[in-house]
Amino acid sequence: SLGDYCAGPNHVLPTSRTARFSSPLGTYDFQKRSSLIQVS
């Protein structure tokens, strides 16, 4: 219950055995990655 409310880590978590391949909600879920390529 401490994790549900105030410990700090996110309480939005994978269920139904999906923790085998997925992770808790986090800052990274609201960021995107763009590859940078500048060839000389």
Full PDB file with SEQRES, HELIX, SHEET, SSBOND, CRYST1, ORIGX, SCALE, CONECT and MASTER records, all heavy atoms in Angstrom:
SEQRES   1 A   40  SER LEU GLY ASP TYR CYS ALA GLY PRO ASN HIS VAL LEU          
SEQRES   2 A   40  PRO THR SER ARG THR ALA ARG PHE SER SER PRO LEU GLY          
SEQRES   3 A   40  THR TYR ASP PHE GLN LYS ARG SER SER LEU ILE GLN VAL          
SEQRES   4 A   40  SER                                                          
HELIX    1 AA1 LEU A    2  TYR A    5  1                                   4    
HELIX    2 AA2 THR A   18  ARG A   20  5                                   3    
HELIX    3 AA3 THR A   27  PHE A   30  5                                   4    
CRYST1    1.000    1.000    1.000  90.00  90.00  90.00 P 1           1          
ORIGX1      1.000000  0.000000  0.000000        0.00000                         
ORIGX2      0.000000  1.000000  0.000000        0.00000                         
ORIGX3      0.000000  0.000000  1.000000        0.00000                         
SCALE1      1.000000  0.000000  0.000000        0.00000                         
SCALE2      0.000000  1.000000  0.000000        0.00000                         
SCALE3      0.000000  0.000000  1.000000        0.00000                         
ATOM      1  N   SER A   1       0.815  -1.217   0.000  1.00  0.00           N  
ATOM      2  CA  SER A   1       0.000   0.000   0.000  1.00  0.00           C  
ATOM      3  C   SER A   1       0.854   1.274   0.000  1.00  0.00           C  
ATOM      4  O   SER A   1       0.429   2.314  -0.510  1.00  0.00           O  
ATOM      5  CB  SER A   1      -0.950   0.005   1.200  1.00  0.00           C  
ATOM      6  OG  SER A   1      -0.229  -0.024   2.418  1.00  0.00           O  
ATOM      7  N   LEU A   2       2.063   1.205   0.561  1.00  0.00           N  
ATOM      8  CA  LEU A   2       2.941   2.380   0.530  1.00  0.00           C  
ATOM      9  C   LEU A   2       3.319   2.719  -0.911  1.00  0.00           C  
ATOM     10  O   LEU A   2       3.446   3.892  -1.274  1.00  0.00           O  
ATOM     11  CB  LEU A   2       4.204   2.126   1.357  1.00  0.00           C  
ATOM     12  CG  LEU A   2       3.990   1.834   2.849  1.00  0.00           C  
ATOM     13  CD1 LEU A   2       5.334   1.659   3.550  1.00  0.00           C  
ATOM     14  CD2 LEU A   2       3.181   2.952   3.510  1.00  0.00           C  
ATOM     15  N   GLY A   3       3.497   1.676  -1.726  1.00  0.00           N  
ATOM     16  CA  GLY A   3       3.793   1.910  -3.134  1.00  0.00           C  
ATOM     17  C   GLY A   3       2.608   2.485  -3.884  1.00  0.00           C  
ATOM     18  O   GLY A   3       2.772   3.235  -4.847  1.00  0.00           O  
ATOM     19  N   ASP A   4       1.405   2.147  -3.449  1.00  0.00           N  
ATOM     20  CA  ASP A   4       0.208   2.681  -4.097  1.00  0.00           C  
ATOM     21  C   ASP A   4       0.115   4.196  -3.961  1.00  0.00           C  
ATOM     22  O   ASP A   4      -0.433   4.861  -4.840  1.00  0.00           O  
ATOM     23  CB  ASP A   4      -1.049   2.057  -3.479  1.00  0.00           C  
ATOM     24  CG  ASP A   4      -1.361   0.693  -4.053  1.00  0.00           C  
ATOM     25  OD1 ASP A   4      -0.801   0.341  -5.106  1.00  0.00           O  
ATOM     26  OD2 ASP A   4      -2.173  -0.027  -3.434  1.00  0.00           O  
ATOM     27  N   TYR A   5       0.621   4.714  -2.851  1.00  0.00           N  
ATOM     28  CA  TYR A   5       0.360   6.114  -2.541  1.00  0.00           C  
ATOM     29  C   TYR A   5       1.569   7.039  -2.517  1.00  0.00           C  
ATOM     30  O   TYR A   5       1.522   8.122  -3.085  1.00  0.00           O  
ATOM     31  CB  TYR A   5      -0.355   6.204  -1.188  1.00  0.00           C  
ATOM     32  CG  TYR A   5      -1.703   5.541  -1.180  1.00  0.00           C  
ATOM     33  CD1 TYR A   5      -1.907   4.346  -0.498  1.00  0.00           C  
ATOM     34  CD2 TYR A   5      -2.769   6.080  -1.888  1.00  0.00           C  
ATOM     35  CE1 TYR A   5      -3.135   3.717  -0.509  1.00  0.00           C  
ATOM     36  CE2 TYR A   5      -4.007   5.467  -1.905  1.00  0.00           C  
ATOM     37  CZ  TYR A   5      -4.189   4.277  -1.216  1.00  0.00           C  
ATOM     38  OH  TYR A   5      -5.409   3.659  -1.241  1.00  0.00           O  
ATOM     39  N   CYS A   6       2.620   6.653  -1.872  1.00  0.00           N  
ATOM     40  CA  CYS A   6       3.605   7.683  -1.553  1.00  0.00           C  
ATOM     41  C   CYS A   6       5.060   7.256  -1.508  1.00  0.00           C  
ATOM     42  O   CYS A   6       5.917   8.084  -1.200  1.00  0.00           O  
ATOM     43  CB  CYS A   6       3.240   8.326  -0.207  1.00  0.00           C  
ATOM     44  SG  CYS A   6       3.118   7.128   1.155  1.00  0.00           S  
ATOM     45  N   ALA A   7       5.381   5.996  -1.780  1.00  0.00           N  
ATOM     46  CA  ALA A   7       6.790   5.598  -1.709  1.00  0.00           C  
ATOM     47  C   ALA A   7       7.620   6.352  -2.743  1.00  0.00           C  
ATOM     48  O   ALA A   7       8.727   6.809  -2.458  1.00  0.00           O  
ATOM     49  CB  ALA A   7       6.927   4.084  -1.912  1.00  0.00           C  
ATOM     50  N   GLY A   8       7.073   6.475  -3.962  1.00  0.00           N  
ATOM     51  CA  GLY A   8       7.791   7.180  -5.022  1.00  0.00           C  
ATOM     52  C   GLY A   8       7.669   6.526  -6.376  1.00  0.00           C  
ATOM     53  O   GLY A   8       7.303   7.179  -7.360  1.00  0.00           O  
ATOM     54  N   PRO A   9       7.986   5.227  -6.509  1.00  0.00           N  
ATOM     55  CA  PRO A   9       7.814   4.552  -7.795  1.00  0.00           C  
ATOM     56  C   PRO A   9       6.356   4.533  -8.239  1.00  0.00           C  
ATOM     57  O   PRO A   9       5.443   4.690  -7.431  1.00  0.00           O  
ATOM     58  CB  PRO A   9       8.320   3.130  -7.510  1.00  0.00           C  
ATOM     59  CG  PRO A   9       9.294   3.301  -6.395  1.00  0.00           C  
ATOM     60  CD  PRO A   9       8.704   4.381  -5.527  1.00  0.00           C  
ATOM     61  N   ASN A  10       6.152   4.327  -9.533  1.00  0.00           N  
ATOM     62  CA  ASN A  10       4.806   4.402 -10.089  1.00  0.00           C  
ATOM     63  C   ASN A  10       3.977   3.173  -9.733  1.00  0.00           C  
ATOM     64  O   ASN A  10       4.501   2.059  -9.676  1.00  0.00           O  
ATOM     65  CB  ASN A  10       4.868   4.552 -11.608  1.00  0.00           C  
ATOM     66  CG  ASN A  10       3.696   5.341 -12.137  1.00  0.00           C  
ATOM     67  OD1 ASN A  10       2.576   4.844 -12.185  1.00  0.00           O  
ATOM     68  ND2 ASN A  10       3.940   6.581 -12.512  1.00  0.00           N  
ATOM     69  N   HIS A  11       2.700   3.380  -9.508  1.00  0.00           N  
ATOM     70  CA  HIS A  11       1.833   2.236  -9.200  1.00  0.00           C  
ATOM     71  C   HIS A  11       1.077   1.729 -10.427  1.00  0.00           C  
ATOM     72  O   HIS A  11       0.282   0.795 -10.330  1.00  0.00           O  
ATOM     73  CB  HIS A  11       0.881   2.557  -8.045  1.00  0.00           C  
ATOM     74  CG  HIS A  11      -0.317   3.394  -8.413  1.00  0.00           C  
ATOM     75  ND1 HIS A  11      -1.106   4.009  -7.473  1.00  0.00           N  
ATOM     76  CD2 HIS A  11      -0.894   3.719  -9.592  1.00  0.00           C  
ATOM     77  CE1 HIS A  11      -2.098   4.659  -8.054  1.00  0.00           C  
ATOM     78  NE2 HIS A  11      -1.994   4.496  -9.349  1.00  0.00           N  
ATOM     79  N   VAL A  12       1.315   2.323 -11.594  1.00  0.00           N  
ATOM     80  CA  VAL A  12       0.744   1.801 -12.827  1.00  0.00           C  
ATOM     81  C   VAL A  12       1.694   0.714 -13.319  1.00  0.00           C  
ATOM     82  O   VAL A  12       2.785   0.998 -13.818  1.00  0.00           O  
ATOM     83  CB  VAL A  12       0.570   2.894 -13.892  1.00  0.00           C  
ATOM     84  CG1 VAL A  12      -0.036   2.305 -15.170  1.00  0.00           C  
ATOM     85  CG2 VAL A  12      -0.316   4.018 -13.351  1.00  0.00           C  
ATOM     86  N   LEU A  13       1.278  -0.540 -13.151  1.00  0.00           N  
ATOM     87  CA  LEU A  13       2.175  -1.680 -13.320  1.00  0.00           C  
ATOM     88  C   LEU A  13       1.579  -2.735 -14.252  1.00  0.00           C  
ATOM     89  O   LEU A  13       0.358  -2.845 -14.369  1.00  0.00           O  
ATOM     90  CB  LEU A  13       2.450  -2.328 -11.956  1.00  0.00           C  
ATOM     91  CG  LEU A  13       3.049  -1.423 -10.876  1.00  0.00           C  
ATOM     92  CD1 LEU A  13       2.971  -2.104  -9.514  1.00  0.00           C  
ATOM     93  CD2 LEU A  13       4.496  -1.089 -11.221  1.00  0.00           C  
ATOM     94  N   PRO A  14       2.432  -3.523 -14.894  1.00  0.00           N  
ATOM     95  CA  PRO A  14       1.936  -4.599 -15.756  1.00  0.00           C  
ATOM     96  C   PRO A  14       1.249  -5.697 -14.952  1.00  0.00           C  
ATOM     97  O   PRO A  14       1.695  -6.060 -13.867  1.00  0.00           O  
ATOM     98  CB  PRO A  14       3.203  -5.119 -16.444  1.00  0.00           C  
ATOM     99  CG  PRO A  14       4.324  -4.737 -15.526  1.00  0.00           C  
ATOM    100  CD  PRO A  14       3.899  -3.446 -14.885  1.00  0.00           C  
ATOM    101  N   THR A  15       0.157  -6.214 -15.488  1.00  0.00           N  
ATOM    102  CA  THR A  15      -0.627  -7.260 -14.832  1.00  0.00           C  
ATOM    103  C   THR A  15      -0.727  -8.478 -15.746  1.00  0.00           C  
ATOM    104  O   THR A  15      -0.223  -8.489 -16.866  1.00  0.00           O  
ATOM    105  CB  THR A  15      -2.049  -6.760 -14.515  1.00  0.00           C  
ATOM    106  OG1 THR A  15      -2.707  -6.437 -15.753  1.00  0.00           O  
ATOM    107  CG2 THR A  15      -2.020  -5.526 -13.632  1.00  0.00           C  
ATOM    108  N   SER A  16      -1.392  -9.513 -15.234  1.00  0.00           N  
ATOM    109  CA  SER A  16      -1.708 -10.709 -16.029  1.00  0.00           C  
ATOM    110  C   SER A  16      -0.469 -11.304 -16.692  1.00  0.00           C  
ATOM    111  O   SER A  16      -0.482 -11.653 -17.865  1.00  0.00           O  
ATOM    112  CB  SER A  16      -2.771 -10.382 -17.090  1.00  0.00           C  
ATOM    113  OG  SER A  16      -3.935  -9.864 -16.499  1.00  0.00           O  
ATOM    114  N   ARG A  17       0.618 -11.386 -15.940  1.00  0.00           N  
ATOM    115  CA  ARG A  17       1.886 -11.994 -16.364  1.00  0.00           C  
ATOM    116  C   ARG A  17       2.630 -11.173 -17.411  1.00  0.00           C  
ATOM    117  O   ARG A  17       3.665 -11.616 -17.940  1.00  0.00           O  
ATOM    118  CB  ARG A  17       1.683 -13.427 -16.881  1.00  0.00           C  
ATOM    119  CG  ARG A  17       1.023 -14.371 -15.861  1.00  0.00           C  
ATOM    120  CD  ARG A  17       1.127 -15.831 -16.287  1.00  0.00           C  
ATOM    121  NE  ARG A  17       2.529 -16.274 -16.248  1.00  0.00           N  
ATOM    122  CZ  ARG A  17       3.124 -16.931 -17.246  1.00  0.00           C  
ATOM    123  NH1 ARG A  17       2.461 -17.197 -18.363  1.00  0.00           N  
ATOM    124  NH2 ARG A  17       4.375 -17.303 -17.129  1.00  0.00           N  
ATOM    125  N   THR A  18       2.174  -9.958 -17.716  1.00  0.00           N  
ATOM    126  CA  THR A  18       2.860  -9.148 -18.724  1.00  0.00           C  
ATOM    127  C   THR A  18       4.143  -8.519 -18.197  1.00  0.00           C  
ATOM    128  O   THR A  18       4.899  -7.926 -18.964  1.00  0.00           O  
ATOM    129  CB  THR A  18       1.940  -8.043 -19.282  1.00  0.00           C  
ATOM    130  OG1 THR A  18       1.511  -7.198 -18.212  1.00  0.00           O  
ATOM    131  CG2 THR A  18       0.726  -8.640 -19.965  1.00  0.00           C  
ATOM    132  N   ALA A  19       4.421  -8.666 -16.890  1.00  0.00           N  
ATOM    133  CA  ALA A  19       5.705  -8.202 -16.369  1.00  0.00           C  
ATOM    134  C   ALA A  19       6.862  -9.004 -16.960  1.00  0.00           C  
ATOM    135  O   ALA A  19       8.029  -8.629 -16.796  1.00  0.00           O  
ATOM    136  CB  ALA A  19       5.728  -8.293 -14.843  1.00  0.00           C  
ATOM    137  N   ARG A  20       6.565 -10.088 -17.652  1.00  0.00           N  
ATOM    138  CA  ARG A  20       7.609 -10.838 -18.361  1.00  0.00           C  
ATOM    139  C   ARG A  20       8.236 -10.001 -19.469  1.00  0.00           C  
ATOM    140  O   ARG A  20       9.371 -10.250 -19.865  1.00  0.00           O  
ATOM    141  CB  ARG A  20       7.019 -12.112 -18.971  1.00  0.00           C  
ATOM    142  CG  ARG A  20       6.545 -13.143 -17.962  1.00  0.00           C  
ATOM    143  CD  ARG A  20       5.870 -14.320 -18.654  1.00  0.00           C  
ATOM    144  NE  ARG A  20       4.640 -13.911 -19.315  1.00  0.00           N  
ATOM    145  CZ  ARG A  20       4.411 -14.051 -20.620  1.00  0.00           C  
ATOM    146  NH1 ARG A  20       5.323 -14.591 -21.396  1.00  0.00           N  
ATOM    147  NH2 ARG A  20       3.266 -13.660 -21.132  1.00  0.00           N  
ATOM    148  N   PHE A  21       7.480  -9.011 -19.977  1.00  0.00           N  
ATOM    149  CA  PHE A  21       8.002  -8.251 -21.117  1.00  0.00           C  
ATOM    150  C   PHE A  21       7.702  -6.757 -21.052  1.00  0.00           C  
ATOM    151  O   PHE A  21       8.013  -6.030 -21.990  1.00  0.00           O  
ATOM    152  CB  PHE A  21       7.449  -8.818 -22.437  1.00  0.00           C  
ATOM    153  CG  PHE A  21       5.946  -8.902 -22.486  1.00  0.00           C  
ATOM    154  CD1 PHE A  21       5.174  -7.801 -22.779  1.00  0.00           C  
ATOM    155  CD2 PHE A  21       5.305 -10.108 -22.233  1.00  0.00           C  
ATOM    156  CE1 PHE A  21       3.796  -7.882 -22.828  1.00  0.00           C  
ATOM    157  CE2 PHE A  21       3.925 -10.213 -22.279  1.00  0.00           C  
ATOM    158  CZ  PHE A  21       3.158  -9.092 -22.579  1.00  0.00           C  
ATOM    159  N   SER A  22       7.084  -6.284 -19.980  1.00  0.00           N  
ATOM    160  CA  SER A  22       6.788  -4.860 -19.898  1.00  0.00           C  
ATOM    161  C   SER A  22       7.129  -4.317 -18.521  1.00  0.00           C  
ATOM    162  O   SER A  22       7.458  -5.068 -17.601  1.00  0.00           O  
ATOM    163  CB  SER A  22       5.316  -4.595 -20.240  1.00  0.00           C  
ATOM    164  OG  SER A  22       4.460  -5.358 -19.410  1.00  0.00           O  
ATOM    165  N   SER A  23       7.029  -3.009 -18.372  1.00  0.00           N  
ATOM    166  CA  SER A  23       7.566  -2.309 -17.201  1.00  0.00           C  
ATOM    167  C   SER A  23       6.549  -1.342 -16.619  1.00  0.00           C  
ATOM    168  O   SER A  23       5.533  -1.030 -17.251  1.00  0.00           O  
ATOM    169  CB  SER A  23       8.826  -1.536 -17.608  1.00  0.00           C  
ATOM    170  OG  SER A  23       9.765  -2.368 -18.245  1.00  0.00           O  
ATOM    171  N   PRO A  24       6.826  -0.807 -15.428  1.00  0.00           N  
ATOM    172  CA  PRO A  24       5.940   0.202 -14.839  1.00  0.00           C  
ATOM    173  C   PRO A  24       5.894   1.472 -15.688  1.00  0.00           C  
ATOM    174  O   PRO A  24       6.829   1.773 -16.434  1.00  0.00           O  
ATOM    175  CB  PRO A  24       6.595   0.493 -13.482  1.00  0.00           C  
ATOM    176  CG  PRO A  24       7.455  -0.688 -13.194  1.00  0.00           C  
ATOM    177  CD  PRO A  24       7.928  -1.173 -14.518  1.00  0.00           C  
ATOM    178  N   LEU A  25       4.802   2.201 -15.564  1.00  0.00           N  
ATOM    179  CA  LEU A  25       4.717   3.523 -16.184  1.00  0.00           C  
ATOM    180  C   LEU A  25       5.813   4.405 -15.601  1.00  0.00           C  
ATOM    181  O   LEU A  25       6.123   4.321 -14.412  1.00  0.00           O  
ATOM    182  CB  LEU A  25       3.343   4.143 -15.901  1.00  0.00           C  
ATOM    183  CG  LEU A  25       3.018   5.454 -16.618  1.00  0.00           C  
ATOM    184  CD1 LEU A  25       2.774   5.206 -18.095  1.00  0.00           C  
ATOM    185  CD2 LEU A  25       1.790   6.125 -15.992  1.00  0.00           C  
ATOM    186  N   GLY A  26       6.404   5.241 -16.443  1.00  0.00           N  
ATOM    187  CA  GLY A  26       7.477   6.101 -15.946  1.00  0.00           C  
ATOM    188  C   GLY A  26       7.674   7.313 -16.827  1.00  0.00           C  
ATOM    189  O   GLY A  26       6.979   7.501 -17.844  1.00  0.00           O  
ATOM    190  N   THR A  27       8.626   8.127 -16.458  1.00  0.00           N  
ATOM    191  CA  THR A  27       8.936   9.333 -17.220  1.00  0.00           C  
ATOM    192  C   THR A  27       9.239   8.997 -18.668  1.00  0.00           C  
ATOM    193  O   THR A  27       8.850   9.724 -19.593  1.00  0.00           O  
ATOM    194  CB  THR A  27      10.141  10.050 -16.590  1.00  0.00           C  
ATOM    195  OG1 THR A  27       9.864  10.299 -15.205  1.00  0.00           O  
ATOM    196  CG2 THR A  27      10.432  11.368 -17.282  1.00  0.00           C  
ATOM    197  N   TYR A  28       9.938   7.889 -18.886  1.00  0.00           N  
ATOM    198  CA  TYR A  28      10.316   7.483 -20.243  1.00  0.00           C  
ATOM    199  C   TYR A  28       9.117   7.226 -21.137  1.00  0.00           C  
ATOM    200  O   TYR A  28       9.232   7.250 -22.366  1.00  0.00           O  
ATOM    201  CB  TYR A  28      11.209   6.231 -20.190  1.00  0.00           C  
ATOM    202  CG  TYR A  28      10.889   5.288 -19.058  1.00  0.00           C  
ATOM    203  CD1 TYR A  28       9.725   4.529 -19.053  1.00  0.00           C  
ATOM    204  CD2 TYR A  28      11.748   5.188 -17.969  1.00  0.00           C  
ATOM    205  CE1 TYR A  28       9.433   3.683 -18.010  1.00  0.00           C  
ATOM    206  CE2 TYR A  28      11.452   4.336 -16.911  1.00  0.00           C  
ATOM    207  CZ  TYR A  28      10.296   3.581 -16.940  1.00  0.00           C  
ATOM    208  OH  TYR A  28      10.000   2.738 -15.894  1.00  0.00           O  
ATOM    209  N   ASP A  29       7.939   6.952 -20.557  1.00  0.00           N  
ATOM    210  CA  ASP A  29       6.745   6.738 -21.368  1.00  0.00           C  
ATOM    211  C   ASP A  29       6.197   8.034 -21.945  1.00  0.00           C  
ATOM    212  O   ASP A  29       5.314   8.009 -22.808  1.00  0.00           O  
ATOM    213  CB  ASP A  29       5.655   6.056 -20.529  1.00  0.00           C  
ATOM    214  CG  ASP A  29       5.994   4.617 -20.210  1.00  0.00           C  
ATOM    215  OD1 ASP A  29       6.080   3.817 -21.154  1.00  0.00           O  
ATOM    216  OD2 ASP A  29       6.206   4.294 -19.027  1.00  0.00           O  
ATOM    217  N   PHE A  30       6.694   9.155 -21.471  1.00  0.00           N  
ATOM    218  CA  PHE A  30       6.236  10.459 -21.959  1.00  0.00           C  
ATOM    219  C   PHE A  30       7.346  11.199 -22.703  1.00  0.00           C  
ATOM    220  O   PHE A  30       7.245  12.395 -22.949  1.00  0.00           O  
ATOM    221  CB  PHE A  30       5.720  11.293 -20.785  1.00  0.00           C  
ATOM    222  CG  PHE A  30       4.564  10.653 -20.065  1.00  0.00           C  
ATOM    223  CD1 PHE A  30       4.767   9.912 -18.910  1.00  0.00           C  
ATOM    224  CD2 PHE A  30       3.278  10.750 -20.567  1.00  0.00           C  
ATOM    225  CE1 PHE A  30       3.714   9.301 -18.251  1.00  0.00           C  
ATOM    226  CE2 PHE A  30       2.213  10.139 -19.920  1.00  0.00           C  
ATOM    227  CZ  PHE A  30       2.429   9.416 -18.760  1.00  0.00           C  
ATOM    228  N   GLN A  31       8.396  10.462 -23.041  1.00  0.00           N  
ATOM    229  CA  GLN A  31       9.479  11.002 -23.848  1.00  0.00           C  
ATOM    230  C   GLN A  31       9.636  10.157 -25.102  1.00  0.00           C  
ATOM    231  O   GLN A  31       9.306   8.981 -25.112  1.00  0.00           O  
ATOM    232  CB  GLN A  31      10.806  10.973 -23.069  1.00  0.00           C  
ATOM    233  CG  GLN A  31      10.832  11.887 -21.850  1.00  0.00           C  
ATOM    234  CD  GLN A  31      12.169  11.822 -21.133  1.00  0.00           C  
ATOM    235  OE1 GLN A  31      12.548  10.775 -20.619  1.00  0.00           O  
ATOM    236  NE2 GLN A  31      12.887  12.932 -21.102  1.00  0.00           N  
ATOM    237  N   LYS A  32      10.153  10.779 -26.164  1.00  0.00           N  
ATOM    238  CA  LYS A  32      10.406  10.070 -27.410  1.00  0.00           C  
ATOM    239  C   LYS A  32      11.891  10.157 -27.740  1.00  0.00           C  
ATOM    240  O   LYS A  32      12.585  11.078 -27.316  1.00  0.00           O  
ATOM    241  CB  LYS A  32       9.628  10.686 -28.572  1.00  0.00           C  
ATOM    242  CG  LYS A  32       8.119  10.631 -28.416  1.00  0.00           C  
ATOM    243  CD  LYS A  32       7.421  11.217 -29.634  1.00  0.00           C  
ATOM    244  CE  LYS A  32       7.560  12.724 -29.725  1.00  0.00           C  
ATOM    245  NZ  LYS A  32       8.773  13.213 -30.353  1.00  0.00           N  
ATOM    246  N   ARG A  33      12.356   9.197 -28.527  1.00  0.00           N  
ATOM    247  CA  ARG A  33      13.737   9.171 -28.987  1.00  0.00           C  
ATOM    248  C   ARG A  33      13.777   9.366 -30.491  1.00  0.00           C  
ATOM    249  O   ARG A  33      13.067   8.676 -31.225  1.00  0.00           O  
ATOM    250  CB  ARG A  33      14.407   7.844 -28.623  1.00  0.00           C  
ATOM    251  CG  ARG A  33      14.386   7.515 -27.150  1.00  0.00           C  
ATOM    252  CD  ARG A  33      15.042   6.172 -26.844  1.00  0.00           C  
ATOM    253  NE  ARG A  33      14.416   5.060 -27.558  1.00  0.00           N  
ATOM    254  CZ  ARG A  33      13.332   4.428 -27.145  1.00  0.00           C  
ATOM    255  NH1 ARG A  33      12.731   4.808 -26.023  1.00  0.00           N  
ATOM    256  NH2 ARG A  33      12.835   3.418 -27.832  1.00  0.00           N  
ATOM    257  N   SER A  34      14.578  10.304 -30.940  1.00  0.00           N  
ATOM    258  CA  SER A  34      14.836  10.483 -32.364  1.00  0.00           C  
ATOM    259  C   SER A  34      16.312  10.203 -32.614  1.00  0.00           C  
ATOM    260  O   SER A  34      17.169  10.721 -31.897  1.00  0.00           O  
ATOM    261  CB  SER A  34      14.515  11.914 -32.816  1.00  0.00           C  
ATOM    262  OG  SER A  34      13.147  12.206 -32.638  1.00  0.00           O  
ATOM    263  N   SER A  35      16.593   9.387 -33.618  1.00  0.00           N  
ATOM    264  CA  SER A  35      17.987   9.106 -33.951  1.00  0.00           C  
ATOM    265  C   SER A  35      18.612  10.313 -34.650  1.00  0.00           C  
ATOM    266  O   SER A  35      17.961  10.974 -35.469  1.00  0.00           O  
ATOM    267  CB  SER A  35      18.079   7.889 -34.877  1.00  0.00           C  
ATOM    268  OG  SER A  35      17.542   6.743 -34.261  1.00  0.00           O  
ATOM    269  N   LEU A  36      19.858  10.599 -34.344  1.00  0.00           N  
ATOM    270  CA  LEU A  36      20.615  11.675 -34.976  1.00  0.00           C  
ATOM    271  C   LEU A  36      21.716  11.078 -35.838  1.00  0.00           C  
ATOM    272  O   LEU A  36      22.487  10.231 -35.378  1.00  0.00           O  
ATOM    273  CB  LEU A  36      21.240  12.593 -33.924  1.00  0.00           C  
ATOM    274  CG  LEU A  36      20.275  13.369 -33.019  1.00  0.00           C  
ATOM    275  CD1 LEU A  36      21.054  14.143 -31.960  1.00  0.00           C  
ATOM    276  CD2 LEU A  36      19.404  14.313 -33.833  1.00  0.00           C  
ATOM    277  N   ILE A  37      21.786  11.509 -37.110  1.00  0.00           N  
ATOM    278  CA  ILE A  37      22.801  11.005 -38.042  1.00  0.00           C  
ATOM    279  C   ILE A  37      23.311  12.182 -38.870  1.00  0.00           C  
ATOM    280  O   ILE A  37      22.528  12.834 -39.571  1.00  0.00           O  
ATOM    281  CB  ILE A  37      22.223   9.938 -38.992  1.00  0.00           C  
ATOM    282  CG1 ILE A  37      21.494   8.835 -38.204  1.00  0.00           C  
ATOM    283  CG2 ILE A  37      23.317   9.337 -39.872  1.00  0.00           C  
ATOM    284  CD1 ILE A  37      20.659   7.919 -39.070  1.00  0.00           C  
ATOM    285  N   GLN A  38      24.574  12.487 -38.762  1.00  0.00           N  
ATOM    286  CA  GLN A  38      25.204  13.503 -39.607  1.00  0.00           C  
ATOM    287  C   GLN A  38      26.505  12.912 -40.146  1.00  0.00           C  
ATOM    288  O   GLN A  38      27.517  12.854 -39.444  1.00  0.00           O  
ATOM    289  CB  GLN A  38      25.484  14.795 -38.826  1.00  0.00           C  
ATOM    290  CG  GLN A  38      26.102  15.887 -39.691  1.00  0.00           C  
ATOM    291  CD  GLN A  38      26.293  17.184 -38.929  1.00  0.00           C  
ATOM    292  OE1 GLN A  38      25.522  17.498 -38.024  1.00  0.00           O  
ATOM    293  NE2 GLN A  38      27.325  17.938 -39.306  1.00  0.00           N  
ATOM    294  N   VAL A  39      26.433  12.455 -41.396  1.00  0.00           N  
ATOM    295  CA  VAL A  39      27.570  11.759 -41.996  1.00  0.00           C  
ATOM    296  C   VAL A  39      28.540  12.774 -42.590  1.00  0.00           C  
ATOM    297  O   VAL A  39      28.142  13.676 -43.338  1.00  0.00           O  
ATOM    298  CB  VAL A  39      27.090  10.778 -43.089  1.00  0.00           C  
ATOM    299  CG1 VAL A  39      28.271  10.052 -43.726  1.00  0.00           C  
ATOM    300  CG2 VAL A  39      26.124   9.762 -42.478  1.00  0.00           C  
ATOM    301  N   SER A  40      29.803  12.622 -42.283  1.00  0.00           N  
ATOM    302  CA  SER A  40      30.842  13.495 -42.837  1.00  0.00           C  
ATOM    303  C   SER A  40      31.147  13.102 -44.280  1.00  0.00           C  
ATOM    304  O   SER A  40      30.747  12.018 -44.750  1.00  0.00           O  
ATOM    305  CB  SER A  40      32.116  13.380 -41.997  1.00  0.00           C  
ATOM    306  OG  SER A  40      32.671  12.072 -42.132  1.00  0.00           O  
TER     307      SER A  40                                                      
MASTER        0    0    0    3    0    0    0    6  306    1    0    4          
END                                                                             
